[in-house]
Amino acid sequence: VTHLGIITLLTGSLVGRIFGIEGTITLFKGDPPTNRLLVDEHQLRVHDSDGVLKGYRAEFLHRPPTPKHPRDLGKLASGGRLSVIDYAEAIDAKLNPRPLDGGGTPALHFTIKTAMMGQRLESWLLADDAQNGNFAMGLANIELKRGKSEIPRSVNPSPAATGSRDPEEVTGKVSQRDPSTAFGMTTSETDLDESIFVFAKTPDQITHVAKGGSTGAKISFSPPQDGDKGQLTISLAGKTQTLDVAQNLGKDVAIAGTQLTVRIENYWADFRIQDGKPVSLSDSPSNPAAVVTIRGRGIPIATSAQNSHGTEQAVSTNGGPSTIPNIAPAMNEANAAENHLTLFVADDGAISYELDSRKLGHSSGPLELNKPLVTGWADWQLLVDRSLPHAEEWMDFTPAKNDSANQLPDGIRVRVEQNGETYEQWISAGWQITVPTLPNPIGVSYGWRSTPLPIALELLDFEVARNEGSDAPAGFKSTLRVSTAEGDSATGQCWMNHPFSFPGSWWRTWSGQTFKMSQASWNPENLGQSTIQILRDPGWLLKWIGSLLIVTGVFLLFYVKKFRRQYATAKTKRIVAPSPASEAREVAVS
């Protein structure tokens, strides 16, 4: 019985594998019905020069091809030969526009860097492009448009002044808004808790008031010398106090003449931000930084509650919330909206800008190539170094090996050989490239295999239930309309652990000819989007029967005596031999 169950179960699995369907389909509210199902199987698709779309199975995770042992896919319609020569588990896509003789879109390349955080970012922007026309860095947004900026206002610093100004003059202050002047100061003592981030290479200090208000402390960082970690000089209430970083790291030290204590929480010799976290790249003091907390009772120079914008000095340079210990989170949406840079490219190629900074206010004017622009976002400076008046979008794909590689798609490297010439190119999953073959170019794409369904799905509504008193989702529900080419249709709902089946007749359900739709995932940023899992398994009944037979066989084998297997066992018999001693002998009889 057990063997019969195993055979039946394997048969059901084989039937489901050959004739079954399983995959996902992403639906958007308001879109027309669609029947394209994404299957968990990679495929290489070629739009050949003869107009035929060809698909090749492309599963290379366990046996990847190499340049010496490529995966040959045969000849193309043009006579060229296509092969896959490499595979990468993570591919990084980077915009690198190509210049054109005319038409296309204007493009700019810029770099923006900070000495405090030891970071340097760069990117291309395409003018008025929804996907490649914006650069978001958490702290601020940068975009590129066609046209010219508005006439500069005289009250704002000119680009020449900001470009040539000593960075200490522009960024030496933590904020142009002083809450104490706007709202008045507290004159009574209160509990204070303030964190201050200081750097040896810049006089800037990033502060965050956790409790009470600002202490008004000014801290300067003397660079390390002779192998030490440097010294911190604290100026507070008209007095100064110097602390050795190495000797006082992690210790509470009283500030003379006050009820406050200072504590050096952490130190980085070569400070950098990597993957949103502060790290030291080496033990060499290339960019020393330290974070200090001041706690105790005192009279604040400004209460934190009076600042309607929060603690604006606490910034993030990683495009997300700040992960520096004791430093406030990155700016919220309102703060980010105040830090915005719009670059303009005119028809004659002239570049101009409009800058909104919480520190410098609003400014605008012309911008020259290779001339830095002080943004007023901490100590970030922007430099436009390349300009293309006519360009087309082009992506460079390269294998990634950094810590963020697990968030990137995989990819393959293809080779096309034709008439003695060889063309090689990486392709990231979800992208398509054009290969310049003769007489016509071909399109090559890589990604999940898609297959048409005999039914079409339409998302009528998507509901997200929230837990009472919070924004945490409690459940998701999709309302679907399913239709066929014959005109049959049905409307149903599916949510977690409650699938919706079509068609619903009993004989189709028992024979496995029905489509079972389950809620797979959702997009919290778009409540009009829902991902549905679709399953049709003709072998499900055989799997259930086989499983029941296996359970029955095991039960009979262990719990029913008449079905137990009989093993040969040795039997012992006692034979009494006629002897005067009347001794008994045991003889083993098999």
Protein backbone atom coordinates (compact mmCIF):
# COMPACT_ATOMS: atom_id res chain seq x y z
CA VAL A 1 0.00 0.00 0.00
CA THR A 2 2.84 2.38 0.86
CA HIS A 3 4.59 1.70 -2.44
CA LEU A 4 1.35 2.28 -4.33
CA GLY A 5 0.92 5.60 -2.51
CA ILE A 6 4.43 6.72 -3.45
CA ILE A 7 3.84 5.84 -7.11
CA THR A 8 0.49 7.65 -7.12
CA LEU A 9 2.00 10.74 -5.46
CA LEU A 10 4.86 10.91 -7.97
CA THR A 11 2.42 10.47 -10.83
CA GLY A 12 0.32 13.37 -9.57
CA SER A 13 3.42 15.55 -9.27
CA LEU A 14 4.44 14.68 -12.83
CA VAL A 15 0.97 15.52 -14.16
CA GLY A 16 0.99 18.86 -12.34
CA ARG A 17 4.47 19.69 -13.60
CA ILE A 18 3.62 18.98 -17.23
CA PHE A 19 0.04 20.23 -17.49
CA GLY A 20 -0.19 22.60 -14.51
CA ILE A 21 0.28 26.38 -14.33
CA GLU A 22 1.73 28.41 -11.46
CA GLY A 23 2.87 32.01 -11.43
CA THR A 24 2.03 35.58 -10.48
CA ILE A 25 0.36 38.47 -12.24
CA THR A 26 0.50 42.12 -11.13
CA LEU A 27 -2.70 44.10 -11.64
CA PHE A 28 -3.41 47.82 -11.47
CA LYS A 29 -6.77 49.32 -10.70
CA GLY A 30 -8.25 50.94 -13.79
CA ASP A 31 -6.11 49.00 -16.27
CA PRO A 32 -7.74 46.75 -18.89
CA PRO A 33 -7.82 42.97 -18.32
CA THR A 34 -4.53 41.15 -18.79
CA ASN A 35 -3.60 37.49 -19.21
CA ARG A 36 0.23 37.55 -19.06
CA LEU A 37 1.43 35.29 -16.25
CA LEU A 38 4.99 35.47 -14.90
CA VAL A 39 6.41 32.02 -14.23
CA ASP A 40 9.26 31.28 -11.81
CA GLU A 41 11.64 30.44 -14.63
CA HIS A 42 14.25 32.62 -16.34
CA GLN A 43 14.12 33.03 -20.09
CA LEU A 44 16.25 34.70 -22.75
CA ARG A 45 14.09 36.28 -25.46
CA VAL A 46 15.37 37.31 -28.87
CA HIS A 47 13.47 39.57 -31.28
CA ASP A 48 15.22 38.28 -34.39
CA SER A 49 15.76 40.26 -37.58
CA ASP A 50 13.10 38.21 -39.37
CA GLY A 51 10.44 39.38 -36.90
CA VAL A 52 10.21 36.07 -35.01
CA LEU A 53 10.29 36.12 -31.20
CA LYS A 54 12.40 33.26 -29.86
CA GLY A 55 12.64 32.10 -26.26
CA TYR A 56 15.44 30.11 -24.61
CA ARG A 57 15.49 28.59 -21.15
CA ALA A 58 18.09 30.47 -19.09
CA GLU A 59 18.62 28.90 -15.66
CA PHE A 60 22.32 29.36 -14.83
CA LEU A 61 22.41 29.70 -11.04
CA HIS A 62 23.93 26.27 -10.33
CA ARG A 63 25.80 25.71 -13.62
CA PRO A 64 26.78 29.15 -14.93
CA PRO A 65 28.43 29.44 -18.34
CA THR A 66 31.97 30.78 -18.76
CA PRO A 67 33.81 32.38 -21.71
CA LYS A 68 35.68 29.08 -22.15
CA HIS A 69 32.50 26.99 -21.85
CA PRO A 70 29.66 29.16 -23.19
CA ARG A 71 26.04 28.13 -23.61
CA ASP A 72 25.51 27.99 -27.38
CA LEU A 73 21.97 28.98 -28.42
CA GLY A 74 22.40 28.40 -32.14
CA LYS A 75 22.23 30.58 -35.23
CA LEU A 76 20.12 33.68 -35.76
CA ALA A 77 18.12 34.54 -38.87
CA SER A 78 20.94 36.83 -40.01
CA GLY A 79 23.48 34.01 -39.84
CA GLY A 80 25.09 35.21 -36.62
CA ARG A 81 25.61 32.92 -33.65
CA LEU A 82 24.21 33.69 -30.21
CA SER A 83 25.69 32.38 -26.97
CA VAL A 84 25.66 33.11 -23.24
CA ILE A 85 29.19 33.42 -21.86
CA ASP A 86 28.73 34.52 -18.23
CA TYR A 87 26.25 34.85 -15.37
CA ALA A 88 26.16 37.21 -12.36
CA GLU A 89 23.87 36.97 -9.34
CA ALA A 90 23.72 40.78 -9.06
CA ILE A 91 23.89 43.40 -11.82
CA ASP A 92 24.18 47.13 -11.22
CA ALA A 93 22.50 49.35 -13.83
CA LYS A 94 23.99 52.81 -14.33
CA LEU A 95 22.72 55.52 -16.66
CA ASN A 96 25.33 56.53 -19.25
CA PRO A 97 23.66 58.54 -22.06
CA ARG A 98 25.03 58.35 -25.57
CA PRO A 99 25.59 61.54 -27.58
CA LEU A 100 23.56 62.13 -30.74
CA ASP A 101 24.09 64.44 -33.70
CA GLY A 102 20.60 65.83 -33.27
CA GLY A 103 17.32 65.28 -31.48
CA GLY A 104 17.23 63.27 -28.30
CA THR A 105 17.26 64.84 -24.85
CA PRO A 106 19.75 67.18 -23.10
CA ALA A 107 21.80 65.44 -20.42
CA LEU A 108 24.06 66.61 -17.59
CA HIS A 109 26.58 64.76 -15.45
CA PHE A 110 27.26 66.07 -11.96
CA THR A 111 29.12 65.16 -8.80
CA ILE A 112 28.12 66.20 -5.30
CA LYS A 113 30.39 65.61 -2.33
CA THR A 114 30.77 66.32 1.37
CA ALA A 115 33.97 66.58 3.37
CA MET A 116 32.19 65.98 6.67
CA MET A 117 30.76 62.62 5.69
CA GLY A 118 33.53 61.67 3.28
CA GLN A 119 31.04 60.89 0.53
CA ARG A 120 31.01 61.55 -3.18
CA LEU A 121 27.96 60.88 -5.35
CA GLU A 122 27.64 61.21 -9.10
CA SER A 123 24.91 60.71 -11.66
CA TRP A 124 23.59 61.58 -15.10
CA LEU A 125 20.29 63.38 -15.54
CA LEU A 126 18.05 63.52 -18.61
CA ALA A 127 15.98 66.66 -19.00
CA ASP A 128 12.24 66.30 -18.34
CA ASP A 129 12.58 62.52 -18.03
CA ALA A 130 10.19 60.93 -15.55
CA GLN A 131 12.58 58.10 -14.68
CA ASN A 132 16.04 59.60 -15.17
CA GLY A 133 15.38 63.30 -14.64
CA ASN A 134 15.50 63.26 -10.82
CA PHE A 135 18.13 62.41 -8.23
CA ALA A 136 16.94 61.89 -4.65
CA MET A 137 19.53 61.79 -1.87
CA GLY A 138 17.27 61.93 1.18
CA LEU A 139 18.70 65.28 2.23
CA ALA A 140 17.48 66.97 -0.95
CA ASN A 141 16.24 66.44 -4.48
CA ILE A 142 17.96 67.40 -7.73
CA GLU A 143 16.18 67.55 -11.09
CA LEU A 144 16.95 68.66 -14.65
CA LYS A 145 14.56 70.56 -16.91
CA ARG A 146 14.63 72.34 -20.23
CA GLY A 147 14.57 76.15 -20.14
CA LYS A 148 16.14 78.89 -18.02
CA SER A 149 16.01 79.81 -14.36
CA GLU A 150 14.26 82.91 -13.09
CA ILE A 151 16.07 86.24 -12.67
CA PRO A 152 18.30 86.13 -9.58
CA ARG A 153 17.08 88.04 -6.56
CA SER A 154 19.45 90.62 -5.14
CA VAL A 155 18.84 89.49 -1.56
CA ASN A 156 20.30 86.09 -2.27
CA PRO A 157 23.98 85.28 -2.72
CA SER A 158 25.17 85.27 -6.30
CA PRO A 159 26.56 82.04 -7.74
CA ALA A 160 29.98 83.61 -7.98
CA ALA A 161 29.88 84.53 -4.31
CA THR A 162 28.71 81.13 -3.18
CA GLY A 163 31.09 79.36 -5.50
CA SER A 164 34.16 81.23 -4.27
CA ARG A 165 33.08 81.71 -0.67
CA ASP A 166 35.02 80.00 2.04
CA PRO A 167 32.97 76.92 3.00
CA GLU A 168 33.34 77.94 6.66
CA GLU A 169 31.46 81.14 5.91
CA VAL A 170 28.60 79.24 4.33
CA THR A 171 28.39 76.08 6.38
CA GLY A 172 29.98 77.10 9.65
CA LYS A 173 26.58 77.79 11.18
CA VAL A 174 24.26 74.90 11.86
CA SER A 175 21.16 76.75 10.69
CA GLN A 176 20.03 80.16 9.56
CA ARG A 177 16.99 79.84 11.83
CA ASP A 178 17.69 80.55 15.49
CA PRO A 179 14.65 79.45 17.47
CA SER A 180 15.70 81.54 20.41
CA THR A 181 15.34 84.78 18.46
CA ALA A 182 12.00 83.78 17.04
CA PHE A 183 10.35 82.51 20.19
CA GLY A 184 12.34 83.70 23.18
CA MET A 185 14.38 81.69 25.66
CA THR A 186 13.67 79.68 28.76
CA THR A 187 15.23 81.26 31.88
CA SER A 188 14.70 78.39 34.34
CA GLU A 189 16.85 75.31 34.73
CA THR A 190 15.65 72.10 33.14
CA ASP A 191 16.97 68.68 32.16
CA LEU A 192 19.06 68.89 28.98
CA ASP A 193 20.15 66.12 26.63
CA GLU A 194 22.00 67.07 23.46
CA SER A 195 24.13 65.14 20.96
CA ILE A 196 26.82 66.85 18.88
CA PHE A 197 28.65 65.38 15.91
CA VAL A 198 32.05 67.04 15.27
CA PHE A 199 34.70 66.72 12.56
CA ALA A 200 38.40 67.49 12.55
CA LYS A 201 38.47 68.73 8.95
CA THR A 202 35.56 71.15 9.16
CA PRO A 203 34.28 73.50 11.86
CA ASP A 204 30.72 72.32 11.29
CA GLN A 205 28.96 70.47 14.07
CA ILE A 206 25.69 68.56 13.68
CA THR A 207 23.51 68.84 16.76
CA HIS A 208 20.40 67.07 17.96
CA VAL A 209 18.41 68.09 21.01
CA ALA A 210 16.83 65.02 22.61
CA LYS A 211 15.48 66.75 25.70
CA GLY A 212 15.01 70.24 27.10
CA GLY A 213 16.86 72.42 24.62
CA SER A 214 20.25 73.30 23.21
CA THR A 215 23.12 73.76 25.64
CA GLY A 216 24.83 76.21 23.32
CA ALA A 217 28.09 74.26 23.47
CA LYS A 218 30.66 74.75 20.70
CA ILE A 219 33.10 71.92 20.19
CA SER A 220 36.26 71.98 18.10
CA PHE A 221 38.15 68.82 17.15
CA SER A 222 41.96 69.00 17.12
CA PRO A 223 43.34 66.40 14.66
CA PRO A 224 45.16 63.36 16.05
CA GLN A 225 48.92 63.63 16.48
CA ASP A 226 51.64 61.14 17.36
CA GLY A 227 49.26 58.19 17.24
CA ASP A 228 46.57 59.56 19.56
CA LYS A 229 42.91 60.21 18.70
CA GLY A 230 42.98 63.96 18.97
CA GLN A 231 41.44 66.35 21.47
CA LEU A 232 38.04 68.00 21.85
CA THR A 233 37.79 71.59 23.08
CA ILE A 234 34.37 72.39 24.57
CA SER A 235 33.30 76.03 24.86
CA LEU A 236 30.33 76.54 27.16
CA ALA A 237 29.16 79.42 29.36
CA GLY A 238 32.27 81.45 28.63
CA LYS A 239 34.62 78.65 29.70
CA THR A 240 36.63 76.08 27.75
CA GLN A 241 37.60 72.54 28.62
CA THR A 242 39.84 70.17 26.65
CA LEU A 243 39.36 66.40 26.62
CA ASP A 244 41.66 63.75 25.21
CA VAL A 245 39.51 61.49 23.01
CA ALA A 246 41.40 58.27 23.68
CA GLN A 247 41.45 58.73 27.46
CA ASN A 248 37.82 59.81 27.82
CA LEU A 249 36.07 57.66 25.20
CA GLY A 250 32.90 56.23 26.76
CA LYS A 251 33.36 58.08 30.06
CA ASP A 252 31.19 60.73 31.71
CA VAL A 253 33.20 63.87 32.47
CA ALA A 254 31.84 66.84 34.44
CA ILE A 255 31.97 70.22 32.75
CA ALA A 256 33.55 72.68 35.16
CA GLY A 257 31.25 75.39 36.49
CA THR A 258 28.04 73.64 35.33
CA GLN A 259 25.78 70.76 36.32
CA LEU A 260 26.37 69.14 32.93
CA THR A 261 28.42 66.10 31.98
CA VAL A 262 29.95 65.31 28.61
CA ARG A 263 30.49 61.85 27.17
CA ILE A 264 32.40 60.92 23.99
CA GLU A 265 30.14 58.20 22.62
CA ASN A 266 32.12 57.11 19.56
CA TYR A 267 35.14 57.93 17.41
CA TRP A 268 35.99 57.20 13.77
CA ALA A 269 39.51 57.73 12.44
CA ASP A 270 38.55 57.67 8.75
CA PHE A 271 34.86 58.51 8.83
CA ARG A 272 32.59 57.41 5.98
CA ILE A 273 28.94 56.51 5.48
CA GLN A 274 28.51 53.03 4.00
CA ASP A 275 25.09 51.47 3.46
CA GLY A 276 23.59 54.10 5.74
CA LYS A 277 25.93 53.40 8.66
CA PRO A 278 28.95 55.33 9.97
CA VAL A 279 32.17 53.35 9.57
CA SER A 280 35.90 53.91 9.68
CA LEU A 281 37.60 52.72 6.52
CA SER A 282 40.98 52.48 8.22
CA ASP A 283 42.86 53.29 11.41
CA SER A 284 44.61 56.15 9.64
CA PRO A 285 43.23 59.56 10.76
CA SER A 286 42.22 60.65 7.27
CA ASN A 287 38.82 62.05 8.30
CA PRO A 288 38.49 61.99 12.11
CA ALA A 289 35.01 62.40 13.58
CA ALA A 290 33.39 61.94 16.98
CA VAL A 291 29.93 62.08 18.51
CA VAL A 292 29.46 63.68 21.93
CA THR A 293 26.48 63.82 24.30
CA ILE A 294 25.94 66.53 26.91
CA ARG A 295 23.46 65.83 29.72
CA GLY A 296 22.43 67.45 32.97
CA ARG A 297 20.54 70.45 34.31
CA GLY A 298 20.96 73.89 32.88
CA ILE A 299 19.32 76.84 31.17
CA PRO A 300 18.83 76.09 27.46
CA ILE A 301 19.58 78.76 24.89
CA ALA A 302 16.56 77.49 22.90
CA THR A 303 13.94 74.88 23.69
CA SER A 304 13.50 72.12 21.16
CA ALA A 305 9.72 72.34 21.33
CA GLN A 306 9.77 75.84 19.89
CA ASN A 307 11.34 74.68 16.64
CA SER A 308 8.43 73.84 14.38
CA HIS A 309 10.76 72.12 11.91
CA GLY A 310 12.31 69.77 14.42
CA THR A 311 16.07 69.68 14.83
CA GLU A 312 17.18 70.67 11.40
CA GLN A 313 20.86 70.21 12.12
CA ALA A 314 20.57 66.44 12.16
CA VAL A 315 20.97 65.31 8.59
CA SER A 316 21.43 62.08 6.69
CA THR A 317 23.69 61.63 3.71
CA ASN A 318 22.66 58.17 2.67
CA GLY A 319 19.29 58.84 1.10
CA GLY A 320 17.36 57.66 4.15
CA PRO A 321 17.07 57.97 7.91
CA SER A 322 20.27 58.84 9.72
CA THR A 323 21.87 55.84 11.40
CA ILE A 324 24.58 57.81 13.20
CA PRO A 325 24.24 57.11 16.92
CA ASN A 326 22.56 59.90 18.91
CA ILE A 327 21.82 61.90 15.78
CA ALA A 328 18.24 62.70 14.81
CA PRO A 329 16.55 61.05 11.83
CA ALA A 330 16.79 62.54 8.38
CA MET A 331 14.54 65.41 7.44
CA ASN A 332 10.90 64.72 6.89
CA GLU A 333 9.04 65.40 3.66
CA ALA A 334 8.49 69.06 4.51
CA ASN A 335 12.19 69.54 5.20
CA ALA A 336 13.21 67.73 2.03
CA ALA A 337 10.89 69.96 0.03
CA GLU A 338 12.80 72.99 1.33
CA ASN A 339 16.10 71.58 0.02
CA HIS A 340 15.69 71.37 -3.72
CA LEU A 341 17.92 72.11 -6.69
CA THR A 342 16.55 72.48 -10.20
CA LEU A 343 19.04 72.58 -13.07
CA PHE A 344 18.00 74.06 -16.41
CA VAL A 345 19.43 73.54 -19.90
CA ALA A 346 18.52 76.16 -22.51
CA ASP A 347 18.30 75.57 -26.26
CA ASP A 348 21.73 77.18 -26.70
CA GLY A 349 23.25 74.83 -24.09
CA ALA A 350 23.46 77.42 -21.29
CA ILE A 351 23.05 75.95 -17.80
CA SER A 352 21.29 77.72 -14.95
CA TYR A 353 19.88 76.75 -11.58
CA GLU A 354 17.31 77.47 -8.91
CA LEU A 355 18.37 76.47 -5.40
CA ASP A 356 16.20 76.22 -2.31
CA SER A 357 18.18 75.68 0.87
CA ARG A 358 17.08 75.86 4.49
CA LYS A 359 20.38 77.55 5.25
CA LEU A 360 20.88 79.90 2.27
CA GLY A 361 17.25 80.43 1.30
CA HIS A 362 16.38 80.79 -2.39
CA SER A 363 18.93 81.62 -5.07
CA SER A 364 19.16 81.31 -8.84
CA GLY A 365 21.44 82.21 -11.70
CA PRO A 366 23.80 80.84 -14.35
CA LEU A 367 26.01 77.84 -13.64
CA GLU A 368 29.31 77.16 -15.35
CA LEU A 369 30.88 73.78 -16.01
CA ASN A 370 33.48 72.59 -13.51
CA LYS A 371 32.62 75.38 -11.07
CA PRO A 372 31.40 74.20 -7.63
CA LEU A 373 28.07 75.37 -6.29
CA VAL A 374 27.67 75.58 -2.50
CA THR A 375 24.24 74.12 -1.82
CA GLY A 376 23.86 74.98 1.84
CA TRP A 377 22.87 71.38 2.59
CA ALA A 378 25.43 70.79 5.36
CA ASP A 379 28.72 71.09 3.41
CA TRP A 380 27.60 69.43 0.17
CA GLN A 381 28.98 71.04 -2.99
CA LEU A 382 27.74 70.28 -6.51
CA LEU A 383 29.84 70.33 -9.67
CA VAL A 384 28.47 69.91 -13.22
CA ASP A 385 31.34 68.54 -15.31
CA ARG A 386 29.69 67.26 -18.51
CA SER A 387 26.86 68.42 -20.73
CA LEU A 388 25.31 66.73 -23.77
CA PRO A 389 22.87 68.88 -25.78
CA HIS A 390 21.59 65.81 -27.67
CA ALA A 391 21.63 62.40 -26.02
CA GLU A 392 19.76 59.13 -25.82
CA GLU A 393 19.20 56.89 -22.83
CA TRP A 394 21.74 54.10 -22.42
CA MET A 395 22.33 51.85 -19.44
CA ASP A 396 25.66 50.27 -18.52
CA PHE A 397 25.33 46.93 -16.75
CA THR A 398 28.16 45.65 -14.57
CA PRO A 399 28.34 42.81 -12.03
CA ALA A 400 28.05 44.05 -8.44
CA LYS A 401 29.92 42.61 -5.48
CA ASN A 402 29.14 45.12 -2.72
CA ASP A 403 26.92 44.64 0.33
CA SER A 404 23.83 45.88 -1.52
CA ALA A 405 24.16 43.18 -4.19
CA ASN A 406 21.38 41.10 -2.62
CA GLN A 407 18.91 43.85 -3.57
CA LEU A 408 19.95 43.87 -7.24
CA PRO A 409 18.64 41.63 -10.05
CA ASP A 410 20.76 38.97 -11.67
CA GLY A 411 21.99 39.11 -15.25
CA ILE A 412 23.81 37.37 -18.07
CA ARG A 413 26.47 38.30 -20.61
CA VAL A 414 25.63 37.47 -24.22
CA ARG A 415 27.88 37.18 -27.25
CA VAL A 416 26.85 37.59 -30.88
CA GLU A 417 29.30 36.57 -33.61
CA GLN A 418 28.65 37.63 -37.21
CA ASN A 419 30.95 38.05 -40.21
CA GLY A 420 34.08 37.81 -38.09
CA GLU A 421 32.92 40.48 -35.62
CA THR A 422 32.03 39.83 -31.99
CA TYR A 423 29.64 41.83 -29.81
CA GLU A 424 29.40 41.21 -26.05
CA GLN A 425 27.06 42.87 -23.56
CA TRP A 426 25.69 42.33 -20.05
CA ILE A 427 21.91 42.24 -19.65
CA SER A 428 20.15 42.79 -16.34
CA ALA A 429 16.93 40.95 -15.57
CA GLY A 430 13.96 42.98 -16.75
CA TRP A 431 15.89 44.91 -19.42
CA GLN A 432 16.27 44.65 -23.19
CA ILE A 433 19.30 45.64 -25.26
CA THR A 434 19.75 46.20 -28.99
CA VAL A 435 22.51 44.31 -30.79
CA PRO A 436 23.71 45.97 -34.04
CA THR A 437 23.60 42.99 -36.39
CA LEU A 438 23.18 43.05 -40.17
CA PRO A 439 20.96 43.58 -42.07
CA ASN A 440 18.76 44.60 -39.10
CA PRO A 441 19.51 44.92 -35.38
CA ILE A 442 18.02 42.40 -32.96
CA GLY A 443 16.59 42.87 -29.48
CA VAL A 444 17.74 40.63 -26.63
CA SER A 445 16.01 40.60 -23.24
CA TYR A 446 16.36 38.53 -20.08
CA GLY A 447 13.94 37.96 -17.23
CA TRP A 448 11.09 35.83 -15.95
CA ARG A 449 9.28 33.75 -18.51
CA SER A 450 5.77 34.96 -19.28
CA THR A 451 3.00 32.79 -20.63
CA PRO A 452 -0.53 33.63 -21.84
CA LEU A 453 -3.54 32.41 -19.86
CA PRO A 454 -6.89 31.34 -21.30
CA ILE A 455 -8.45 33.78 -18.82
CA ALA A 456 -7.96 37.52 -18.29
CA LEU A 457 -7.94 39.28 -14.92
CA GLU A 458 -8.98 42.82 -14.03
CA LEU A 459 -8.52 44.49 -10.65
CA LEU A 460 -11.76 46.19 -9.63
CA ASP A 461 -10.78 47.19 -6.11
CA PHE A 462 -8.03 46.69 -3.54
CA GLU A 463 -8.72 47.13 0.17
CA VAL A 464 -6.23 47.43 3.01
CA ALA A 465 -7.61 46.92 6.51
CA ARG A 466 -5.66 48.68 9.26
CA ASN A 467 -5.26 47.72 12.89
CA GLU A 468 -7.32 49.99 15.10
CA GLY A 469 -5.38 53.02 16.23
CA SER A 470 -2.37 52.44 13.96
CA ASP A 471 -1.28 52.38 10.33
CA ALA A 472 -0.14 48.76 10.53
CA PRO A 473 -1.98 46.68 7.89
CA ALA A 474 -4.24 43.93 9.20
CA GLY A 475 -5.10 42.38 5.85
CA PHE A 476 -5.47 42.89 2.12
CA LYS A 477 -8.36 42.04 -0.16
CA SER A 478 -8.55 42.15 -3.95
CA THR A 479 -11.78 42.25 -5.92
CA LEU A 480 -11.25 40.63 -9.31
CA ARG A 481 -13.17 40.18 -12.52
CA VAL A 482 -12.22 37.09 -14.52
CA SER A 483 -13.25 36.74 -18.17
CA THR A 484 -12.67 34.32 -21.03
CA ALA A 485 -12.56 34.64 -24.80
CA GLU A 486 -15.93 32.84 -24.98
CA GLY A 487 -17.60 35.65 -23.03
CA ASP A 488 -17.82 33.94 -19.64
CA SER A 489 -17.01 36.13 -16.66
CA ALA A 490 -17.16 36.08 -12.88
CA THR A 491 -16.38 38.44 -10.03
CA GLY A 492 -14.81 37.35 -6.77
CA GLN A 493 -12.58 38.36 -3.90
CA CYS A 494 -9.39 36.86 -2.55
CA TRP A 495 -7.33 37.63 0.53
CA MET A 496 -4.77 35.83 2.65
CA ASN A 497 -5.66 32.12 3.00
CA HIS A 498 -8.96 32.69 1.15
CA PRO A 499 -8.45 31.98 -2.57
CA PHE A 500 -10.96 32.58 -5.33
CA SER A 501 -11.51 29.86 -7.95
CA PHE A 502 -12.68 30.10 -11.55
CA PRO A 503 -14.58 28.33 -13.01
CA GLY A 504 -16.38 27.14 -9.92
CA SER A 505 -18.17 23.98 -11.19
CA TRP A 506 -17.56 20.93 -9.00
CA TRP A 507 -16.26 18.61 -11.71
CA ARG A 508 -13.63 21.15 -12.79
CA THR A 509 -12.54 21.55 -9.18
CA TRP A 510 -12.17 17.79 -8.62
CA SER A 511 -10.36 17.31 -11.94
CA GLY A 512 -7.96 20.19 -11.28
CA GLN A 513 -9.16 22.26 -14.26
CA THR A 514 -9.97 25.34 -12.20
CA PHE A 515 -7.77 28.41 -11.67
CA LYS A 516 -7.13 29.21 -8.02
CA MET A 517 -6.28 32.88 -7.36
CA SER A 518 -4.64 33.89 -4.07
CA GLN A 519 -3.43 37.21 -2.68
CA ALA A 520 0.37 37.17 -3.05
CA SER A 521 1.63 40.67 -2.24
CA TRP A 522 0.86 44.37 -2.39
CA ASN A 523 2.62 47.71 -2.82
CA PRO A 524 2.24 50.03 0.19
CA GLU A 525 3.18 53.00 -2.02
CA ASN A 526 0.43 52.24 -4.53
CA LEU A 527 -2.87 51.01 -3.12
CA GLY A 528 -4.17 50.53 -6.64
CA GLN A 529 -1.72 47.67 -7.25
CA SER A 530 -2.07 44.02 -6.30
CA THR A 531 -0.09 40.88 -7.09
CA ILE A 532 -2.12 37.69 -7.49
CA GLN A 533 -0.82 34.12 -7.49
CA ILE A 534 -2.55 31.81 -9.96
CA LEU A 535 -2.42 28.03 -9.68
CA ARG A 536 -3.92 25.26 -11.77
CA ASP A 537 -2.87 21.74 -10.78
CA PRO A 538 -4.52 18.82 -12.66
CA GLY A 539 -2.59 16.35 -10.52
CA TRP A 540 -3.76 17.56 -7.14
CA LEU A 541 -6.25 14.70 -6.64
CA LEU A 542 -3.58 12.07 -7.37
CA LYS A 543 -1.28 13.79 -4.87
CA TRP A 544 -3.96 13.62 -2.17
CA ILE A 545 -4.78 9.98 -2.94
CA GLY A 546 -1.09 9.06 -2.91
CA SER A 547 -0.56 10.84 0.40
CA LEU A 548 -3.52 9.02 1.98
CA LEU A 549 -2.21 5.68 0.70
CA ILE A 550 1.21 6.37 2.20
CA VAL A 551 -0.30 7.25 5.58
CA THR A 552 -2.54 4.17 5.43
CA GLY A 553 0.40 1.92 4.56
CA VAL A 554 2.52 3.24 7.41
CA PHE A 555 -0.40 2.79 9.84
CA LEU A 556 -0.96 -0.82 8.75
CA LEU A 557 2.75 -1.57 8.94
CA PHE A 558 3.18 -0.41 12.53
CA TYR A 559 -0.22 -0.84 14.17
CA VAL A 560 -1.94 -3.85 12.54
CA LYS A 561 -0.29 -7.19 13.50
CA LYS A 562 -1.47 -9.26 10.53
CA PHE A 563 0.25 -6.85 8.13
CA ARG A 564 3.55 -6.79 9.94
CA ARG A 565 6.44 -8.24 8.10
CA GLN A 566 7.58 -11.57 9.57
CA TYR A 567 11.25 -11.92 10.20
CA ALA A 568 13.03 -15.18 10.77
CA THR A 569 13.85 -15.51 14.42
CA ALA A 570 15.75 -18.10 16.36
CA LYS A 571 13.61 -20.36 18.48
CA THR A 572 14.84 -22.03 21.56
CA LYS A 573 13.57 -25.32 22.75
CA ARG A 574 14.41 -27.05 26.03
CA ILE A 575 15.16 -30.77 25.57
CA VAL A 576 15.61 -32.94 28.66
CA ALA A 577 18.06 -35.79 27.91
CA PRO A 578 17.74 -39.11 29.81
CA SER A 579 20.84 -39.01 31.96
CA PRO A 580 21.54 -39.81 35.52
CA ALA A 581 22.33 -36.19 36.28
CA SER A 582 18.98 -35.14 34.85
CA GLU A 583 20.67 -32.07 33.31
CA ALA A 584 18.66 -30.01 30.87
CA ARG A 585 20.25 -29.02 27.55
CA GLU A 586 19.12 -26.16 25.36
CA VAL A 587 19.26 -26.86 21.67
CA ALA A 588 18.78 -24.08 19.13
CA VAL A 589 16.60 -25.17 16.27
CA SER A 590 16.28 -22.94 13.24
